[in-house]
Amino acid sequence: MAFTPELIAELEILALFNLSSTQEGIKVHHTASPSAVAAAQRLHDKGLISQADGGYLTSLGLDAAEHAQALLTILDVSQTA
């Protein structure tokens, strides 16, 4: 499996969520980039977020966002240097 542009866009949406509060969601406005709008729709279709334009993380989405954000932290060498 490869990191496709679609998967990267989904990871970018998951990275927007504040993991310290399950009561805080996001909104992907219709004026956002087409790739962000499509990524939010795909995440909703996969059952990771509650609305097609963002909303809240589902329990599966919370797991995915935690992993995505952890991966970003590990790979972002500028934070560890």
C-alpha atoms as a PDB file:
ATOM      1  CA  MET A   1       0.000   0.000   0.000  1.00  0.00           C
ATOM      2  CA  ALA A   2       1.262   3.476  -0.858  1.00  0.00           C
ATOM      3  CA  PHE A   3       0.510   6.924   0.495  1.00  0.00           C
ATOM      4  CA  THR A   4      -1.723   8.281  -2.247  1.00  0.00           C
ATOM      5  CA  PRO A   5      -2.681  11.965  -2.465  1.00  0.00           C
ATOM      6  CA  GLU A   6      -6.186  10.945  -1.300  1.00  0.00           C
ATOM      7  CA  LEU A   7      -4.844   9.191   1.818  1.00  0.00           C
ATOM      8  CA  ILE A   8      -2.591  12.132   2.607  1.00  0.00           C
ATOM      9  CA  ALA A   9      -5.575  14.494   2.357  1.00  0.00           C
ATOM     10  CA  GLU A  10      -7.495  12.262   4.780  1.00  0.00           C
ATOM     11  CA  LEU A  11      -4.541  12.235   7.187  1.00  0.00           C
ATOM     12  CA  GLU A  12      -4.409  16.025   6.997  1.00  0.00           C
ATOM     13  CA  ILE A  13      -8.091  16.223   7.998  1.00  0.00           C
ATOM     14  CA  LEU A  14      -7.525  13.802  10.885  1.00  0.00           C
ATOM     15  CA  ALA A  15      -4.594  15.937  12.037  1.00  0.00           C
ATOM     16  CA  LEU A  16      -6.920  18.928  12.453  1.00  0.00           C
ATOM     17  CA  PHE A  17      -8.868  17.358  15.306  1.00  0.00           C
ATOM     18  CA  ASN A  18      -8.087  18.362  18.887  1.00  0.00           C
ATOM     19  CA  LEU A  19      -7.530  15.051  20.654  1.00  0.00           C
ATOM     20  CA  SER A  20      -7.774  16.577  24.118  1.00  0.00           C
ATOM     21  CA  SER A  21     -11.512  17.207  23.713  1.00  0.00           C
ATOM     22  CA  THR A  22     -14.023  14.842  22.147  1.00  0.00           C
ATOM     23  CA  GLN A  23     -16.561  17.691  22.262  1.00  0.00           C
ATOM     24  CA  GLU A  24     -14.588  19.755  19.744  1.00  0.00           C
ATOM     25  CA  GLY A  25     -15.252  19.038  16.089  1.00  0.00           C
ATOM     26  CA  ILE A  26     -14.224  20.624  12.815  1.00  0.00           C
ATOM     27  CA  LYS A  27     -16.055  22.080   9.829  1.00  0.00           C
ATOM     28  CA  VAL A  28     -14.745  21.686   6.287  1.00  0.00           C
ATOM     29  CA  HIS A  29     -16.377  24.594   4.500  1.00  0.00           C
ATOM     30  CA  HIS A  30     -17.473  24.374   0.885  1.00  0.00           C
ATOM     31  CA  THR A  31     -14.807  27.000   0.123  1.00  0.00           C
ATOM     32  CA  ALA A  32     -12.036  24.631   1.278  1.00  0.00           C
ATOM     33  CA  SER A  33      -9.866  22.964  -1.320  1.00  0.00           C
ATOM     34  CA  PRO A  34     -11.642  20.300  -3.375  1.00  0.00           C
ATOM     35  CA  SER A  35      -9.232  17.679  -2.014  1.00  0.00           C
ATOM     36  CA  ALA A  36     -10.131  18.592   1.600  1.00  0.00           C
ATOM     37  CA  VAL A  37     -13.866  18.487   0.873  1.00  0.00           C
ATOM     38  CA  ALA A  38     -13.487  15.101  -0.836  1.00  0.00           C
ATOM     39  CA  ALA A  39     -11.278  13.795   1.998  1.00  0.00           C
ATOM     40  CA  ALA A  40     -13.891  14.732   4.593  1.00  0.00           C
ATOM     41  CA  GLN A  41     -16.561  12.946   2.566  1.00  0.00           C
ATOM     42  CA  ARG A  42     -14.397   9.816   2.337  1.00  0.00           C
ATOM     43  CA  LEU A  43     -13.701   9.877   6.084  1.00  0.00           C
ATOM     44  CA  HIS A  44     -17.442  10.120   6.698  1.00  0.00           C
ATOM     45  CA  ASP A  45     -18.095   7.265   4.276  1.00  0.00           C
ATOM     46  CA  LYS A  46     -15.528   5.173   6.181  1.00  0.00           C
ATOM     47  CA  GLY A  47     -17.256   5.929   9.482  1.00  0.00           C
ATOM     48  CA  LEU A  48     -14.428   8.009  10.950  1.00  0.00           C
ATOM     49  CA  ILE A  49     -16.256  11.345  11.263  1.00  0.00           C
ATOM     50  CA  SER A  50     -19.876  12.098  12.060  1.00  0.00           C
ATOM     51  CA  GLN A  51     -20.695  14.437   9.152  1.00  0.00           C
ATOM     52  CA  ALA A  52     -19.672  14.606   5.510  1.00  0.00           C
ATOM     53  CA  ASP A  53     -18.283  18.110   6.120  1.00  0.00           C
ATOM     54  CA  GLY A  54     -16.483  17.340   9.373  1.00  0.00           C
ATOM     55  CA  GLY A  55     -18.349  17.138  12.638  1.00  0.00           C
ATOM     56  CA  TYR A  56     -16.924  14.945  15.376  1.00  0.00           C
ATOM     57  CA  LEU A  57     -14.695  11.916  15.423  1.00  0.00           C
ATOM     58  CA  THR A  58     -16.372   8.562  15.861  1.00  0.00           C
ATOM     59  CA  SER A  59     -14.657   6.084  18.187  1.00  0.00           C
ATOM     60  CA  LEU A  60     -12.912   4.549  15.163  1.00  0.00           C
ATOM     61  CA  GLY A  61     -12.047   8.040  13.962  1.00  0.00           C
ATOM     62  CA  LEU A  62     -10.543   8.888  17.340  1.00  0.00           C
ATOM     63  CA  ASP A  63      -8.272   5.841  17.071  1.00  0.00           C
ATOM     64  CA  ALA A  64      -7.289   6.833  13.527  1.00  0.00           C
ATOM     65  CA  ALA A  65      -6.644  10.473  14.480  1.00  0.00           C
ATOM     66  CA  GLU A  66      -4.515   9.415  17.456  1.00  0.00           C
ATOM     67  CA  HIS A  67      -2.386   7.203  15.197  1.00  0.00           C
ATOM     68  CA  ALA A  68      -2.162   9.840  12.457  1.00  0.00           C
ATOM     69  CA  GLN A  69      -1.100  12.551  14.878  1.00  0.00           C
ATOM     70  CA  ALA A  70       1.397  10.245  16.584  1.00  0.00           C
ATOM     71  CA  LEU A  71       2.926   9.416  13.202  1.00  0.00           C
ATOM     72  CA  LEU A  72       3.249  13.112  12.386  1.00  0.00           C
ATOM     73  CA  THR A  73       4.977  13.716  15.707  1.00  0.00           C
ATOM     74  CA  ILE A  74       7.403  10.841  15.122  1.00  0.00           C
ATOM     75  CA  LEU A  75       8.233  11.856  11.545  1.00  0.00           C
ATOM     76  CA  ASP A  76       8.485  15.617  12.144  1.00  0.00           C
ATOM     77  CA  VAL A  77      12.205  15.840  12.816  1.00  0.00           C
ATOM     78  CA  SER A  78      12.016  19.609  13.264  1.00  0.00           C
ATOM     79  CA  GLN A  79      10.230  19.030  16.580  1.00  0.00           C
ATOM     80  CA  THR A  80      12.910  16.690  17.905  1.00  0.00           C
ATOM     81  CA  ALA A  81      15.945  18.654  16.744  1.00  0.00           C
END
